[in-house]
Protein backbone atom coordinates (compact mmCIF):
# COMPACT_ATOMS: atom_id res chain seq x y z
CA MET A 1 -10.61 92.31 -29.13
CA ALA A 2 -12.16 91.34 -32.45
CA ALA A 3 -15.77 90.26 -32.53
CA PRO A 4 -16.21 86.49 -32.80
CA VAL A 5 -16.84 85.17 -36.27
CA PRO A 6 -20.43 83.94 -36.51
CA LYS A 7 -20.87 80.24 -37.17
CA ARG A 8 -21.90 79.24 -40.64
CA ARG A 9 -25.52 78.35 -40.80
CA ARG A 10 -26.70 75.01 -42.08
CA LEU A 11 -29.34 74.83 -44.73
CA ASP A 12 -31.49 71.75 -45.15
CA ASN A 13 -32.25 72.24 -48.82
CA ASP A 14 -32.96 69.42 -51.18
CA LEU A 15 -30.21 69.74 -53.81
CA GLU A 16 -31.20 66.55 -55.62
CA SER A 17 -32.44 68.24 -58.79
CA GLU A 18 -29.34 70.43 -59.10
CA HIS A 19 -26.62 67.85 -58.41
CA GLY A 20 -28.30 64.47 -58.80
CA PHE A 21 -28.07 63.46 -55.15
CA ARG A 22 -29.97 64.20 -51.97
CA ALA A 23 -27.97 66.39 -49.62
CA VAL A 24 -28.20 65.60 -45.95
CA SER A 25 -27.23 69.17 -45.16
CA SER A 26 -25.56 72.14 -46.83
CA THR A 27 -23.88 75.34 -45.78
CA GLN A 28 -23.67 78.86 -47.12
CA ARG A 29 -21.14 81.60 -46.39
CA GLU A 30 -22.46 84.53 -44.42
CA GLY A 31 -22.57 87.84 -46.26
CA GLU A 32 -20.14 89.47 -43.84
CA ASP A 33 -17.65 86.63 -44.42
CA VAL A 34 -17.83 87.15 -48.19
CA ARG A 35 -17.48 90.92 -47.75
CA SER A 36 -14.42 90.40 -45.56
CA SER A 37 -12.80 88.16 -48.20
CA LEU A 38 -13.45 90.70 -50.96
CA SER A 39 -12.08 93.49 -48.79
CA SER A 40 -8.90 91.47 -48.15
CA LEU A 41 -8.58 90.87 -51.88
CA TYR A 42 -8.75 94.64 -52.47
CA ASP A 43 -6.07 95.23 -49.83
CA ASP A 44 -3.71 92.84 -51.70
CA ILE A 45 -4.77 93.83 -55.24
CA ARG A 46 -1.29 94.99 -56.29
CA VAL A 47 -0.06 91.42 -55.82
CA LEU A 48 -3.20 89.44 -56.72
CA GLY A 49 -4.51 91.53 -59.63
CA ASP A 50 -4.20 90.02 -63.10
CA VAL A 51 -5.12 93.07 -65.20
CA VAL A 52 -4.47 96.83 -65.10
CA VAL A 53 -7.39 99.11 -65.94
CA VAL A 54 -6.22 102.46 -67.33
CA VAL A 55 -8.95 105.03 -66.75
CA GLN A 56 -8.93 108.28 -68.71
CA ALA A 57 -11.31 111.16 -68.12
CA ASP A 58 -12.66 113.22 -71.01
CA MET A 59 -9.48 115.09 -71.96
CA LYS A 60 -11.29 117.97 -73.70
CA GLU A 61 -11.98 119.48 -70.28
CA TRP A 62 -8.35 119.34 -69.02
CA SER A 63 -4.92 120.60 -70.03
CA GLY A 64 -1.32 120.26 -68.78
CA ASP A 65 -0.89 118.81 -65.28
CA GLU A 66 -4.65 118.58 -64.81
CA ALA A 67 -4.87 116.24 -67.82
CA ARG A 68 -2.16 113.95 -66.44
CA GLN A 69 -4.05 113.73 -63.15
CA GLN A 70 -7.11 112.52 -65.04
CA ILE A 71 -5.37 109.29 -66.14
CA ARG A 72 -5.04 106.63 -63.45
CA GLU A 73 -4.11 102.97 -63.44
CA PHE A 74 -5.94 100.45 -61.25
CA PRO A 75 -4.75 96.87 -60.74
CA ALA A 76 -7.77 94.55 -60.67
CA VAL A 77 -8.93 90.94 -60.81
CA SER A 78 -10.45 90.48 -64.25
CA ALA A 79 -12.84 87.68 -63.23
CA LEU A 80 -14.28 89.82 -60.42
CA LEU A 81 -14.76 92.82 -62.74
CA ALA A 82 -16.37 90.61 -65.36
CA SER A 83 -18.73 89.02 -62.83
CA THR A 84 -20.05 92.40 -61.68
CA SER A 85 -20.34 94.29 -64.97
CA ARG A 86 -21.61 93.06 -68.35
CA PRO A 87 -19.72 95.74 -70.32
CA LEU A 88 -16.47 94.94 -68.50
CA HIS A 89 -17.12 91.22 -69.07
CA GLN A 90 -17.41 91.87 -72.81
CA MET A 91 -14.26 94.03 -72.80
CA LEU A 92 -12.24 91.44 -70.88
CA TYR A 93 -13.57 88.13 -72.24
CA GLY A 94 -16.20 88.70 -74.90
CA ALA A 95 -16.76 90.13 -78.34
CA MET A 96 -15.53 93.59 -77.28
CA ARG A 97 -12.28 92.17 -75.95
CA SER A 98 -9.89 95.09 -75.79
CA ALA A 99 -7.46 94.18 -73.02
CA THR A 100 -4.01 94.14 -74.56
CA PRO A 101 -2.23 90.82 -74.10
CA SER A 102 0.45 90.60 -71.46
CA SER A 103 4.12 90.05 -72.19
CA GLY A 104 6.51 88.64 -69.63
CA ASP A 105 5.71 89.89 -66.15
CA GLN A 106 3.53 92.71 -67.47
CA ARG A 107 -0.22 92.41 -66.88
CA PRO A 108 -2.78 92.91 -69.64
CA ARG A 109 -4.11 96.48 -69.84
CA LEU A 110 -7.68 97.57 -70.42
CA VAL A 111 -8.14 101.24 -71.36
CA LEU A 112 -11.42 102.97 -70.44
CA ARG A 113 -11.75 106.37 -72.07
CA ASP A 114 -14.10 109.18 -71.06
CA THR A 115 -14.46 107.68 -67.58
CA ASP A 116 -13.87 109.61 -64.38
CA PRO A 117 -11.06 107.88 -62.42
CA TRP A 118 -12.68 108.82 -59.10
CA CYS A 119 -15.95 107.14 -60.15
CA PHE A 120 -14.12 103.99 -61.28
CA GLU A 121 -12.27 103.86 -57.95
CA GLN A 122 -15.59 104.15 -56.09
CA MET A 123 -16.95 101.28 -58.19
CA LEU A 124 -13.92 99.14 -57.25
CA HIS A 125 -14.51 99.95 -53.57
CA PHE A 126 -18.18 98.94 -53.91
CA ILE A 127 -17.34 95.67 -55.69
CA HIS A 128 -14.90 94.79 -52.90
CA GLY A 129 -17.40 95.52 -50.12
CA LYS A 130 -15.72 98.74 -49.02
CA GLN A 131 -17.49 101.90 -47.96
CA ILE A 132 -18.01 104.38 -50.79
CA CYS A 133 -18.62 108.11 -50.93
CA ALA A 134 -21.76 109.33 -52.58
CA PRO A 135 -21.45 113.11 -52.89
CA ARG A 136 -24.61 115.10 -52.89
CA ALA A 137 -25.57 116.72 -56.13
CA PRO A 138 -25.41 120.49 -55.97
CA ARG A 139 -28.78 122.06 -55.39
CA LYS A 140 -30.19 123.85 -58.35
CA PRO A 141 -31.65 127.24 -57.52
CA ARG A 142 -35.39 127.32 -57.71
CA PRO A 143 -36.74 129.41 -60.55
CA PRO A 144 -38.42 132.60 -59.44
CA PRO A 145 -42.20 132.42 -59.15
CA PRO A 146 -44.12 133.61 -62.18
CA PRO A 147 -45.10 137.27 -62.07
CA PRO A 148 -48.63 137.98 -60.86
CA ARG A 149 -51.20 138.57 -63.56
């Protein structure tokens, strides 16, 4: 049985300065409710996405089949990407606009070069309120102690 959805909490803020009227009461969505909506959006991204982000790793390090595996396509919601990243906002809507226009049923494409596809996928998970993996950095061996004098 699913846990009951918590009731939305009422806020008695004075919104007069913002909207020009005095609010009797107001409400705000709970964080878990927002996270659930974003997670559902991610689950349906193939249908609801309006842009395809093509992510290409640095190809100098790869060859043959390995190189092809380092290019991945991610359907995404452009407004959500833009709202969470200034560079992506500029690439999608601003002066650095580089998403190719769509034609017919094809979605616009934004190409990100020299970007690790795994890292971009983790960023998408984070934006949509999903759990992400944060691998530990390999430990560097400690340098040997200096020789005694």
